[in-house]
Amino acid sequence: RFAEARRVELYRRASSSLCPPAIEVMIDAPGELARAGPDPVKKVRAFLRYPTNERDRKWPCVILLGGLDSTKEESRLFEELCLVRGVATCTFDGPGQGETAYDVPLGARFDTWVSAVVSALLTIESINPDGIGVVGRSLGGTYALQAAGYEPRLKACLAWSPLVSGRSFSGLPAGVRRTFEYACGGVNADVAERVATSLIDSVAEIASIECPTFISHGARDRIVPYEDQVSLNQPSGSVVESVIQPNGGHCCHNIAATVRPQLADWITLQLKEVANA
């Protein structure tokens, strides 16, 4: 917990020195956090970055969702890929992540949190309301698919090595299962498995998606089973495209120099097209 607080402090101190800077935005939390403590309403810290310092134009914006034990402060590399392509970025910690984990453990539906962020972005003059999308990696990819299926204000979705089925929990590496237990609030393995099983079903989430969606996987992923990945290739409407990179590991980190720019190209092109329509 000390390390968590230290990372938050250091990023906040550095945020104004990033190029472009990261601007702190406080967002009204969904009901789970509002009910978690004595205060009637709580805020969630998010960071917004614009491609340039211009504020007299409306930028498309992508909401970036981290994975199981990821935090808003560690998305900077993919942020840079989006920013250089002319799209703003927004990061925050949801249930089980970073600052939020101490109030709301893993288990709450993530789409309500993404909706709260979308509502906040729509109040910002320099954000184009017709060009907001979502990108998630690993478990964040699962959340992105969930959000795209239930939040109609999202115009594009990129899911990057999403977990597909909670029923595959017992086959996850031991360290990943322990991280689930921690993110769920320090519960035992049986409880963590029940949470994962109830929370993760990407095949079902896809059925509700109406915005353009791209799903990227790695065939050599040692976390998401290959048979789970293949299940996302089933026909699900023209809005969803799923690609398995034959040489990619989890999140294709081993071939990131090739794959990440392609993913950034896809999401930024989608958002800029709908924003300019």
C-alpha atoms as a PDB file:
ATOM      1  CA  ARG A   1       0.000   0.000   0.000  1.00  0.00           C
ATOM      2  CA  PHE A   2       2.941   2.321   0.680  1.00  0.00           C
ATOM      3  CA  ALA A   3       4.293   1.593  -2.794  1.00  0.00           C
ATOM      4  CA  GLU A   4       0.862   2.309  -4.279  1.00  0.00           C
ATOM      5  CA  ALA A   5       0.657   5.696  -2.546  1.00  0.00           C
ATOM      6  CA  ARG A   6       4.212   6.514  -3.561  1.00  0.00           C
ATOM      7  CA  ARG A   7       3.537   5.780  -7.244  1.00  0.00           C
ATOM      8  CA  VAL A   8       0.419   7.969  -7.195  1.00  0.00           C
ATOM      9  CA  GLU A   9       2.345  10.802  -5.552  1.00  0.00           C
ATOM     10  CA  LEU A  10       5.255  10.642  -7.992  1.00  0.00           C
ATOM     11  CA  TYR A  11       3.026  10.523 -11.065  1.00  0.00           C
ATOM     12  CA  ARG A  12       1.028  13.504  -9.853  1.00  0.00           C
ATOM     13  CA  ARG A  13       4.257  15.444  -9.335  1.00  0.00           C
ATOM     14  CA  ALA A  14       5.487  14.501 -12.812  1.00  0.00           C
ATOM     15  CA  SER A  15       2.170  14.911 -14.641  1.00  0.00           C
ATOM     16  CA  SER A  16       2.572  18.585 -15.526  1.00  0.00           C
ATOM     17  CA  SER A  17       6.063  17.918 -16.919  1.00  0.00           C
ATOM     18  CA  LEU A  18       4.964  15.251 -19.383  1.00  0.00           C
ATOM     19  CA  CYS A  19       4.843  16.361 -22.998  1.00  0.00           C
ATOM     20  CA  PRO A  20       1.975  16.815 -23.496  1.00  0.00           C
ATOM     21  CA  PRO A  21       1.050  17.153 -19.811  1.00  0.00           C
ATOM     22  CA  ALA A  22      -1.409  14.919 -17.966  1.00  0.00           C
ATOM     23  CA  ILE A  23      -4.305  16.949 -16.558  1.00  0.00           C
ATOM     24  CA  GLU A  24      -5.982  15.680 -13.410  1.00  0.00           C
ATOM     25  CA  VAL A  25      -9.764  15.331 -13.678  1.00  0.00           C
ATOM     26  CA  MET A  26     -11.970  14.260 -10.763  1.00  0.00           C
ATOM     27  CA  ILE A  27     -14.909  12.087 -11.788  1.00  0.00           C
ATOM     28  CA  ASP A  28     -18.081  11.263  -9.864  1.00  0.00           C
ATOM     29  CA  ALA A  29     -17.814   7.604  -8.934  1.00  0.00           C
ATOM     30  CA  PRO A  30     -20.509   5.022  -9.631  1.00  0.00           C
ATOM     31  CA  GLY A  31     -22.625   3.787  -6.759  1.00  0.00           C
ATOM     32  CA  GLU A  32     -20.189   1.134  -5.488  1.00  0.00           C
ATOM     33  CA  LEU A  33     -17.647   3.709  -4.368  1.00  0.00           C
ATOM     34  CA  ALA A  34     -20.216   6.297  -3.307  1.00  0.00           C
ATOM     35  CA  ARG A  35     -21.604   3.773  -0.833  1.00  0.00           C
ATOM     36  CA  ALA A  36     -18.227   2.458   0.341  1.00  0.00           C
ATOM     37  CA  GLY A  37     -17.478   5.104   2.951  1.00  0.00           C
ATOM     38  CA  PRO A  38     -19.065   7.738   5.156  1.00  0.00           C
ATOM     39  CA  ASP A  39     -19.117  10.433   2.474  1.00  0.00           C
ATOM     40  CA  PRO A  40     -22.270  10.488   0.298  1.00  0.00           C
ATOM     41  CA  VAL A  41     -20.271  11.017  -2.922  1.00  0.00           C
ATOM     42  CA  LYS A  42     -16.688  10.130  -3.742  1.00  0.00           C
ATOM     43  CA  LYS A  43     -14.488  11.108  -6.640  1.00  0.00           C
ATOM     44  CA  VAL A  44     -12.207   9.044  -8.828  1.00  0.00           C
ATOM     45  CA  ARG A  45      -8.984  10.545 -10.123  1.00  0.00           C
ATOM     46  CA  ALA A  46      -8.432  10.395 -13.883  1.00  0.00           C
ATOM     47  CA  PHE A  47      -5.758  11.867 -16.129  1.00  0.00           C
ATOM     48  CA  LEU A  48      -6.532  13.503 -19.474  1.00  0.00           C
ATOM     49  CA  ARG A  49      -3.884  14.225 -22.107  1.00  0.00           C
ATOM     50  CA  TYR A  50      -4.365  16.197 -25.321  1.00  0.00           C
ATOM     51  CA  PRO A  51      -2.272  15.795 -28.491  1.00  0.00           C
ATOM     52  CA  THR A  52      -1.233  19.469 -28.249  1.00  0.00           C
ATOM     53  CA  ASN A  53      -1.893  22.406 -25.964  1.00  0.00           C
ATOM     54  CA  GLU A  54      -4.715  23.640 -28.223  1.00  0.00           C
ATOM     55  CA  ARG A  55      -7.998  23.931 -26.341  1.00  0.00           C
ATOM     56  CA  ASP A  56     -10.030  25.726 -28.998  1.00  0.00           C
ATOM     57  CA  ARG A  57     -10.804  22.538 -30.929  1.00  0.00           C
ATOM     58  CA  LYS A  58     -12.646  19.334 -30.075  1.00  0.00           C
ATOM     59  CA  TRP A  59     -10.451  16.252 -29.837  1.00  0.00           C
ATOM     60  CA  PRO A  60     -11.555  12.644 -30.193  1.00  0.00           C
ATOM     61  CA  CYS A  61     -10.596  10.751 -27.038  1.00  0.00           C
ATOM     62  CA  VAL A  62      -9.797   7.166 -26.114  1.00  0.00           C
ATOM     63  CA  ILE A  63     -10.347   5.782 -22.606  1.00  0.00           C
ATOM     64  CA  LEU A  64      -7.527   3.376 -21.709  1.00  0.00           C
ATOM     65  CA  LEU A  65      -8.262   0.441 -19.384  1.00  0.00           C
ATOM     66  CA  GLY A  66      -5.443  -1.445 -17.708  1.00  0.00           C
ATOM     67  CA  GLY A  67      -5.372  -5.137 -16.869  1.00  0.00           C
ATOM     68  CA  LEU A  68      -5.831  -7.085 -13.657  1.00  0.00           C
ATOM     69  CA  ASP A  69      -3.120  -5.405 -11.565  1.00  0.00           C
ATOM     70  CA  SER A  70      -2.498  -2.431 -13.858  1.00  0.00           C
ATOM     71  CA  THR A  71      -2.979   1.220 -12.927  1.00  0.00           C
ATOM     72  CA  LYS A  72      -3.724   4.476 -14.687  1.00  0.00           C
ATOM     73  CA  GLU A  73      -0.122   5.640 -14.259  1.00  0.00           C
ATOM     74  CA  GLU A  74       1.370   2.890 -16.433  1.00  0.00           C
ATOM     75  CA  SER A  75      -0.435   3.486 -19.736  1.00  0.00           C
ATOM     76  CA  ARG A  76       1.946   6.158 -20.961  1.00  0.00           C
ATOM     77  CA  LEU A  77       3.525   4.219 -23.832  1.00  0.00           C
ATOM     78  CA  PHE A  78       0.204   3.495 -25.558  1.00  0.00           C
ATOM     79  CA  GLU A  79      -0.963   7.011 -24.692  1.00  0.00           C
ATOM     80  CA  GLU A  80       1.962   8.363 -26.707  1.00  0.00           C
ATOM     81  CA  LEU A  81       0.969   6.264 -29.731  1.00  0.00           C
ATOM     82  CA  CYS A  82      -2.544   7.723 -29.623  1.00  0.00           C
ATOM     83  CA  LEU A  83      -1.450  11.285 -28.934  1.00  0.00           C
ATOM     84  CA  VAL A  84       0.953  11.431 -31.857  1.00  0.00           C
ATOM     85  CA  ARG A  85      -1.951  10.271 -34.064  1.00  0.00           C
ATOM     86  CA  GLY A  86      -4.143  13.182 -32.952  1.00  0.00           C
ATOM     87  CA  VAL A  87      -6.366  11.544 -30.320  1.00  0.00           C
ATOM     88  CA  ALA A  88      -6.602  12.539 -26.649  1.00  0.00           C
ATOM     89  CA  THR A  89      -6.299   9.911 -23.896  1.00  0.00           C
ATOM     90  CA  CYS A  90      -7.979   9.369 -20.535  1.00  0.00           C
ATOM     91  CA  THR A  91      -6.870   6.923 -17.829  1.00  0.00           C
ATOM     92  CA  PHE A  92      -8.381   5.990 -14.448  1.00  0.00           C
ATOM     93  CA  ASP A  93      -8.409   3.187 -11.864  1.00  0.00           C
ATOM     94  CA  GLY A  94     -11.534   1.036 -11.705  1.00  0.00           C
ATOM     95  CA  PRO A  95     -12.543  -1.767  -9.320  1.00  0.00           C
ATOM     96  CA  GLY A  96      -9.557  -3.774  -8.118  1.00  0.00           C
ATOM     97  CA  GLN A  97      -7.058  -1.361  -9.677  1.00  0.00           C
ATOM     98  CA  GLY A  98      -4.631   1.145  -8.177  1.00  0.00           C
ATOM     99  CA  GLU A  99      -6.142   3.759  -5.880  1.00  0.00           C
ATOM    100  CA  THR A 100      -9.683   2.450  -6.290  1.00  0.00           C
ATOM    101  CA  ALA A 101      -8.907  -1.111  -5.147  1.00  0.00           C
ATOM    102  CA  TYR A 102      -8.886  -0.166  -1.462  1.00  0.00           C
ATOM    103  CA  ASP A 103     -12.494   1.055  -1.658  1.00  0.00           C
ATOM    104  CA  VAL A 104     -13.928  -1.170  -4.395  1.00  0.00           C
ATOM    105  CA  PRO A 105     -12.365  -4.590  -5.038  1.00  0.00           C
ATOM    106  CA  LEU A 106     -12.594  -6.543  -8.259  1.00  0.00           C
ATOM    107  CA  GLY A 107     -16.103  -7.822  -8.879  1.00  0.00           C
ATOM    108  CA  ALA A 108     -18.123  -4.696  -9.682  1.00  0.00           C
ATOM    109  CA  ARG A 109     -19.224  -4.348 -13.303  1.00  0.00           C
ATOM    110  CA  PHE A 110     -16.713  -2.184 -15.073  1.00  0.00           C
ATOM    111  CA  ASP A 111     -19.088  -0.773 -17.679  1.00  0.00           C
ATOM    112  CA  THR A 112     -20.705   1.508 -15.069  1.00  0.00           C
ATOM    113  CA  TRP A 113     -17.283   2.993 -14.348  1.00  0.00           C
ATOM    114  CA  VAL A 114     -16.545   3.575 -18.021  1.00  0.00           C
ATOM    115  CA  SER A 115     -19.970   5.217 -18.367  1.00  0.00           C
ATOM    116  CA  ALA A 116     -19.094   7.581 -15.506  1.00  0.00           C
ATOM    117  CA  VAL A 117     -15.902   8.560 -17.327  1.00  0.00           C
ATOM    118  CA  VAL A 118     -17.780   9.090 -20.610  1.00  0.00           C
ATOM    119  CA  SER A 119     -20.267  11.350 -18.806  1.00  0.00           C
ATOM    120  CA  ALA A 120     -17.397  13.390 -17.391  1.00  0.00           C
ATOM    121  CA  LEU A 121     -15.675  13.702 -20.767  1.00  0.00           C
ATOM    122  CA  LEU A 122     -18.896  14.972 -22.331  1.00  0.00           C
ATOM    123  CA  THR A 123     -18.777  17.978 -20.002  1.00  0.00           C
ATOM    124  CA  ILE A 124     -15.321  19.004 -21.251  1.00  0.00           C
ATOM    125  CA  GLU A 125     -15.455  21.582 -24.050  1.00  0.00           C
ATOM    126  CA  SER A 126     -12.341  20.355 -25.843  1.00  0.00           C
ATOM    127  CA  ILE A 127     -13.526  16.727 -26.168  1.00  0.00           C
ATOM    128  CA  ASN A 128     -15.571  15.746 -29.214  1.00  0.00           C
ATOM    129  CA  PRO A 129     -18.677  13.935 -27.912  1.00  0.00           C
ATOM    130  CA  ASP A 130     -18.929  11.972 -31.168  1.00  0.00           C
ATOM    131  CA  GLY A 131     -15.386  10.604 -30.961  1.00  0.00           C
ATOM    132  CA  ILE A 132     -15.020   8.749 -27.657  1.00  0.00           C
ATOM    133  CA  GLY A 133     -13.744   5.174 -27.695  1.00  0.00           C
ATOM    134  CA  VAL A 134     -12.268   2.584 -25.348  1.00  0.00           C
ATOM    135  CA  VAL A 135      -9.112   0.463 -25.377  1.00  0.00           C
ATOM    136  CA  GLY A 136      -8.402  -2.302 -22.874  1.00  0.00           C
ATOM    137  CA  ARG A 137      -5.551  -4.759 -22.517  1.00  0.00           C
ATOM    138  CA  SER A 138      -5.711  -8.193 -20.875  1.00  0.00           C
ATOM    139  CA  LEU A 139      -8.532  -8.111 -18.290  1.00  0.00           C
ATOM    140  CA  GLY A 140      -8.979  -4.480 -19.351  1.00  0.00           C
ATOM    141  CA  GLY A 141      -9.803  -5.840 -22.805  1.00  0.00           C
ATOM    142  CA  THR A 142     -12.612  -7.844 -21.231  1.00  0.00           C
ATOM    143  CA  TYR A 143     -13.824  -4.650 -19.562  1.00  0.00           C
ATOM    144  CA  ALA A 144     -13.626  -2.791 -22.880  1.00  0.00           C
ATOM    145  CA  LEU A 145     -15.891  -5.347 -24.564  1.00  0.00           C
ATOM    146  CA  GLN A 146     -18.309  -5.152 -21.634  1.00  0.00           C
ATOM    147  CA  ALA A 147     -18.362  -1.363 -21.799  1.00  0.00           C
ATOM    148  CA  ALA A 148     -18.834  -1.314 -25.585  1.00  0.00           C
ATOM    149  CA  GLY A 149     -21.823  -3.620 -25.248  1.00  0.00           C
ATOM    150  CA  TYR A 150     -23.594  -1.491 -22.642  1.00  0.00           C
ATOM    151  CA  GLU A 151     -22.453   2.093 -23.304  1.00  0.00           C
ATOM    152  CA  PRO A 152     -23.878   3.394 -26.613  1.00  0.00           C
ATOM    153  CA  ARG A 153     -21.892   6.639 -26.415  1.00  0.00           C
ATOM    154  CA  LEU A 154     -18.683   4.709 -27.191  1.00  0.00           C
ATOM    155  CA  LYS A 155     -17.925   4.890 -30.907  1.00  0.00           C
ATOM    156  CA  ALA A 156     -15.135   2.293 -31.165  1.00  0.00           C
ATOM    157  CA  CYS A 157     -13.615  -0.474 -29.057  1.00  0.00           C
ATOM    158  CA  LEU A 158     -10.197  -2.147 -29.096  1.00  0.00           C
ATOM    159  CA  ALA A 159      -9.737  -5.245 -26.911  1.00  0.00           C
ATOM    160  CA  TRP A 160      -6.128  -6.287 -26.632  1.00  0.00           C
ATOM    161  CA  SER A 161      -5.691  -9.918 -25.442  1.00  0.00           C
ATOM    162  CA  PRO A 162      -8.917  -9.928 -23.396  1.00  0.00           C
ATOM    163  CA  LEU A 163      -9.650 -12.752 -20.993  1.00  0.00           C
ATOM    164  CA  VAL A 164     -12.491 -14.637 -22.602  1.00  0.00           C
ATOM    165  CA  SER A 165     -14.060 -16.906 -19.980  1.00  0.00           C
ATOM    166  CA  GLY A 166     -13.985 -16.972 -16.202  1.00  0.00           C
ATOM    167  CA  ARG A 167     -14.439 -20.720 -16.457  1.00  0.00           C
ATOM    168  CA  SER A 168     -10.759 -20.900 -17.462  1.00  0.00           C
ATOM    169  CA  PHE A 169      -9.714 -19.554 -14.034  1.00  0.00           C
ATOM    170  CA  SER A 170      -8.297 -22.855 -12.751  1.00  0.00           C
ATOM    171  CA  GLY A 171      -5.965 -23.029 -15.760  1.00  0.00           C
ATOM    172  CA  LEU A 172      -4.425 -19.603 -15.180  1.00  0.00           C
ATOM    173  CA  PRO A 173      -0.817 -19.442 -13.936  1.00  0.00           C
ATOM    174  CA  ALA A 174      -0.612 -19.586 -10.125  1.00  0.00           C
ATOM    175  CA  GLY A 175       0.691 -16.021  -9.888  1.00  0.00           C
ATOM    176  CA  VAL A 176      -2.262 -14.694 -11.891  1.00  0.00           C
ATOM    177  CA  ARG A 177      -4.727 -16.578  -9.681  1.00  0.00           C
ATOM    178  CA  ARG A 178      -3.091 -15.087  -6.576  1.00  0.00           C
ATOM    179  CA  THR A 179      -3.328 -11.630  -8.117  1.00  0.00           C
ATOM    180  CA  PHE A 180      -7.053 -12.189  -8.641  1.00  0.00           C
ATOM    181  CA  GLU A 181      -7.344 -13.061  -4.946  1.00  0.00           C
ATOM    182  CA  TYR A 182      -5.565  -9.832  -4.010  1.00  0.00           C
ATOM    183  CA  ALA A 183      -7.615  -7.665  -6.403  1.00  0.00           C
ATOM    184  CA  CYS A 184     -10.807  -9.171  -4.988  1.00  0.00           C
ATOM    185  CA  GLY A 185      -9.839  -7.844  -1.563  1.00  0.00           C
ATOM    186  CA  GLY A 186      -7.622 -10.625  -0.238  1.00  0.00           C
ATOM    187  CA  VAL A 187     -10.191 -13.406  -0.607  1.00  0.00           C
ATOM    188  CA  ASN A 188      -9.447 -17.120  -0.896  1.00  0.00           C
ATOM    189  CA  ALA A 189      -9.079 -18.938  -4.200  1.00  0.00           C
ATOM    190  CA  ASP A 190     -12.650 -20.292  -4.255  1.00  0.00           C
ATOM    191  CA  VAL A 191     -14.152 -16.822  -3.867  1.00  0.00           C
ATOM    192  CA  ALA A 192     -11.811 -15.354  -6.487  1.00  0.00           C
ATOM    193  CA  GLU A 193     -12.819 -18.096  -8.926  1.00  0.00           C
ATOM    194  CA  ARG A 194     -16.519 -17.363  -8.354  1.00  0.00           C
ATOM    195  CA  VAL A 195     -15.887 -13.658  -9.006  1.00  0.00           C
ATOM    196  CA  ALA A 196     -13.944 -14.398 -12.193  1.00  0.00           C
ATOM    197  CA  THR A 197     -16.575 -16.828 -13.441  1.00  0.00           C
ATOM    198  CA  SER A 198     -19.393 -14.333 -12.918  1.00  0.00           C
ATOM    199  CA  LEU A 199     -17.449 -11.353 -14.260  1.00  0.00           C
ATOM    200  CA  ILE A 200     -15.713 -12.666 -17.376  1.00  0.00           C
ATOM    201  CA  ASP A 201     -17.683 -13.788 -20.434  1.00  0.00           C
ATOM    202  CA  SER A 202     -16.434 -11.974 -23.515  1.00  0.00           C
ATOM    203  CA  VAL A 203     -18.458 -14.104 -25.927  1.00  0.00           C
ATOM    204  CA  ALA A 204     -21.679 -12.920 -24.290  1.00  0.00           C
ATOM    205  CA  GLU A 205     -20.525  -9.287 -24.171  1.00  0.00           C
ATOM    206  CA  ILE A 206     -19.813  -9.254 -27.920  1.00  0.00           C
ATOM    207  CA  ALA A 207     -23.455 -10.027 -28.689  1.00  0.00           C
ATOM    208  CA  SER A 208     -24.478  -6.545 -27.493  1.00  0.00           C
ATOM    209  CA  ILE A 209     -21.768  -4.525 -29.267  1.00  0.00           C
ATOM    210  CA  GLU A 210     -22.848  -2.151 -32.034  1.00  0.00           C
ATOM    211  CA  CYS A 211     -19.743   0.021 -32.489  1.00  0.00           C
ATOM    212  CA  PRO A 212     -16.712  -1.003 -34.598  1.00  0.00           C
ATOM    213  CA  THR A 213     -14.634  -3.377 -32.476  1.00  0.00           C
ATOM    214  CA  PHE A 214     -11.215  -4.954 -33.006  1.00  0.00           C
ATOM    215  CA  ILE A 215      -9.927  -7.850 -30.892  1.00  0.00           C
ATOM    216  CA  SER A 216      -6.243  -8.787 -30.950  1.00  0.00           C
ATOM    217  CA  HIS A 217      -4.767 -11.964 -29.440  1.00  0.00           C
ATOM    218  CA  GLY A 218      -1.473 -13.857 -29.480  1.00  0.00           C
ATOM    219  CA  ALA A 219      -1.483 -17.565 -30.379  1.00  0.00           C
ATOM    220  CA  ARG A 220       1.335 -18.167 -27.888  1.00  0.00           C
ATOM    221  CA  ASP A 221      -0.507 -16.513 -25.013  1.00  0.00           C
ATOM    222  CA  ARG A 222       0.198 -18.459 -21.798  1.00  0.00           C
ATOM    223  CA  ILE A 223      -2.659 -16.769 -19.894  1.00  0.00           C
ATOM    224  CA  VAL A 224      -5.625 -16.821 -22.296  1.00  0.00           C
ATOM    225  CA  PRO A 225      -6.141 -20.357 -23.683  1.00  0.00           C
ATOM    226  CA  TYR A 226      -5.998 -20.619 -27.459  1.00  0.00           C
ATOM    227  CA  GLU A 227      -9.408 -22.336 -27.588  1.00  0.00           C
ATOM    228  CA  ASP A 228     -10.881 -19.316 -25.772  1.00  0.00           C
ATOM    229  CA  GLN A 229      -9.324 -16.985 -28.315  1.00  0.00           C
ATOM    230  CA  VAL A 230     -10.766 -18.980 -31.214  1.00  0.00           C
ATOM    231  CA  SER A 231     -14.246 -18.722 -29.690  1.00  0.00           C
ATOM    232  CA  LEU A 232     -14.160 -14.964 -30.379  1.00  0.00           C
ATOM    233  CA  ASN A 233     -13.710 -15.623 -34.095  1.00  0.00           C
ATOM    234  CA  GLN A 234     -17.269 -16.900 -34.415  1.00  0.00           C
ATOM    235  CA  PRO A 235     -19.561 -14.703 -36.547  1.00  0.00           C
ATOM    236  CA  SER A 236     -20.802 -11.856 -34.368  1.00  0.00           C
ATOM    237  CA  GLY A 237     -21.829  -9.150 -36.775  1.00  0.00           C
ATOM    238  CA  SER A 238     -19.881  -6.911 -39.111  1.00  0.00           C
ATOM    239  CA  VAL A 239     -18.805  -4.544 -36.319  1.00  0.00           C
ATOM    240  CA  VAL A 240     -16.466  -7.055 -34.667  1.00  0.00           C
ATOM    241  CA  GLU A 241     -13.157  -8.253 -36.125  1.00  0.00           C
ATOM    242  CA  SER A 242     -10.892 -10.699 -34.278  1.00  0.00           C
ATOM    243  CA  VAL A 243      -7.275 -11.432 -35.225  1.00  0.00           C
ATOM    244  CA  ILE A 244      -4.865 -13.921 -33.639  1.00  0.00           C
ATOM    245  CA  GLN A 245      -1.188 -13.033 -34.111  1.00  0.00           C
ATOM    246  CA  PRO A 246       0.594 -16.386 -34.688  1.00  0.00           C
ATOM    247  CA  ASN A 247       3.819 -15.372 -32.923  1.00  0.00           C
ATOM    248  CA  GLY A 248       2.326 -13.226 -30.169  1.00  0.00           C
ATOM    249  CA  GLY A 249       2.338 -13.941 -26.450  1.00  0.00           C
ATOM    250  CA  HIS A 250      -0.013 -12.341 -23.935  1.00  0.00           C
ATOM    251  CA  CYS A 251      -0.849  -8.822 -25.166  1.00  0.00           C
ATOM    252  CA  CYS A 252       1.750  -9.514 -27.891  1.00  0.00           C
ATOM    253  CA  HIS A 253       4.341  -7.869 -25.633  1.00  0.00           C
ATOM    254  CA  ASN A 254       7.028  -9.922 -27.384  1.00  0.00           C
ATOM    255  CA  ILE A 255       6.181  -8.308 -30.750  1.00  0.00           C
ATOM    256  CA  ALA A 256       5.001  -4.974 -29.376  1.00  0.00           C
ATOM    257  CA  ALA A 257       7.030  -2.885 -31.818  1.00  0.00           C
ATOM    258  CA  THR A 258       4.961  -4.317 -34.673  1.00  0.00           C
ATOM    259  CA  VAL A 259       1.551  -4.832 -33.093  1.00  0.00           C
ATOM    260  CA  ARG A 260       1.041  -1.762 -30.894  1.00  0.00           C
ATOM    261  CA  PRO A 261       1.388   0.810 -33.705  1.00  0.00           C
ATOM    262  CA  GLN A 262      -1.122  -1.204 -35.744  1.00  0.00           C
ATOM    263  CA  LEU A 263      -3.582  -1.196 -32.842  1.00  0.00           C
ATOM    264  CA  ALA A 264      -3.081   2.536 -32.342  1.00  0.00           C
ATOM    265  CA  ASP A 265      -3.625   3.108 -36.062  1.00  0.00           C
ATOM    266  CA  TRP A 266      -6.929   1.244 -35.953  1.00  0.00           C
ATOM    267  CA  ILE A 267      -8.490   2.912 -32.906  1.00  0.00           C
ATOM    268  CA  THR A 268      -7.385   6.447 -33.765  1.00  0.00           C
ATOM    269  CA  LEU A 269      -8.597   6.129 -37.376  1.00  0.00           C
ATOM    270  CA  GLN A 270     -11.996   4.903 -36.188  1.00  0.00           C
ATOM    271  CA  LEU A 271     -12.426   7.779 -33.738  1.00  0.00           C
ATOM    272  CA  LYS A 272     -11.202  10.470 -36.105  1.00  0.00           C
ATOM    273  CA  GLU A 273     -13.556   9.237 -38.834  1.00  0.00           C
ATOM    274  CA  VAL A 274     -16.671   9.320 -36.642  1.00  0.00           C
ATOM    275  CA  ALA A 275     -15.620  12.591 -35.021  1.00  0.00           C
ATOM    276  CA  ASN A 276     -15.292  14.248 -38.434  1.00  0.00           C
ATOM    277  CA  ALA A 277     -18.441  12.693 -39.945  1.00  0.00           C
END
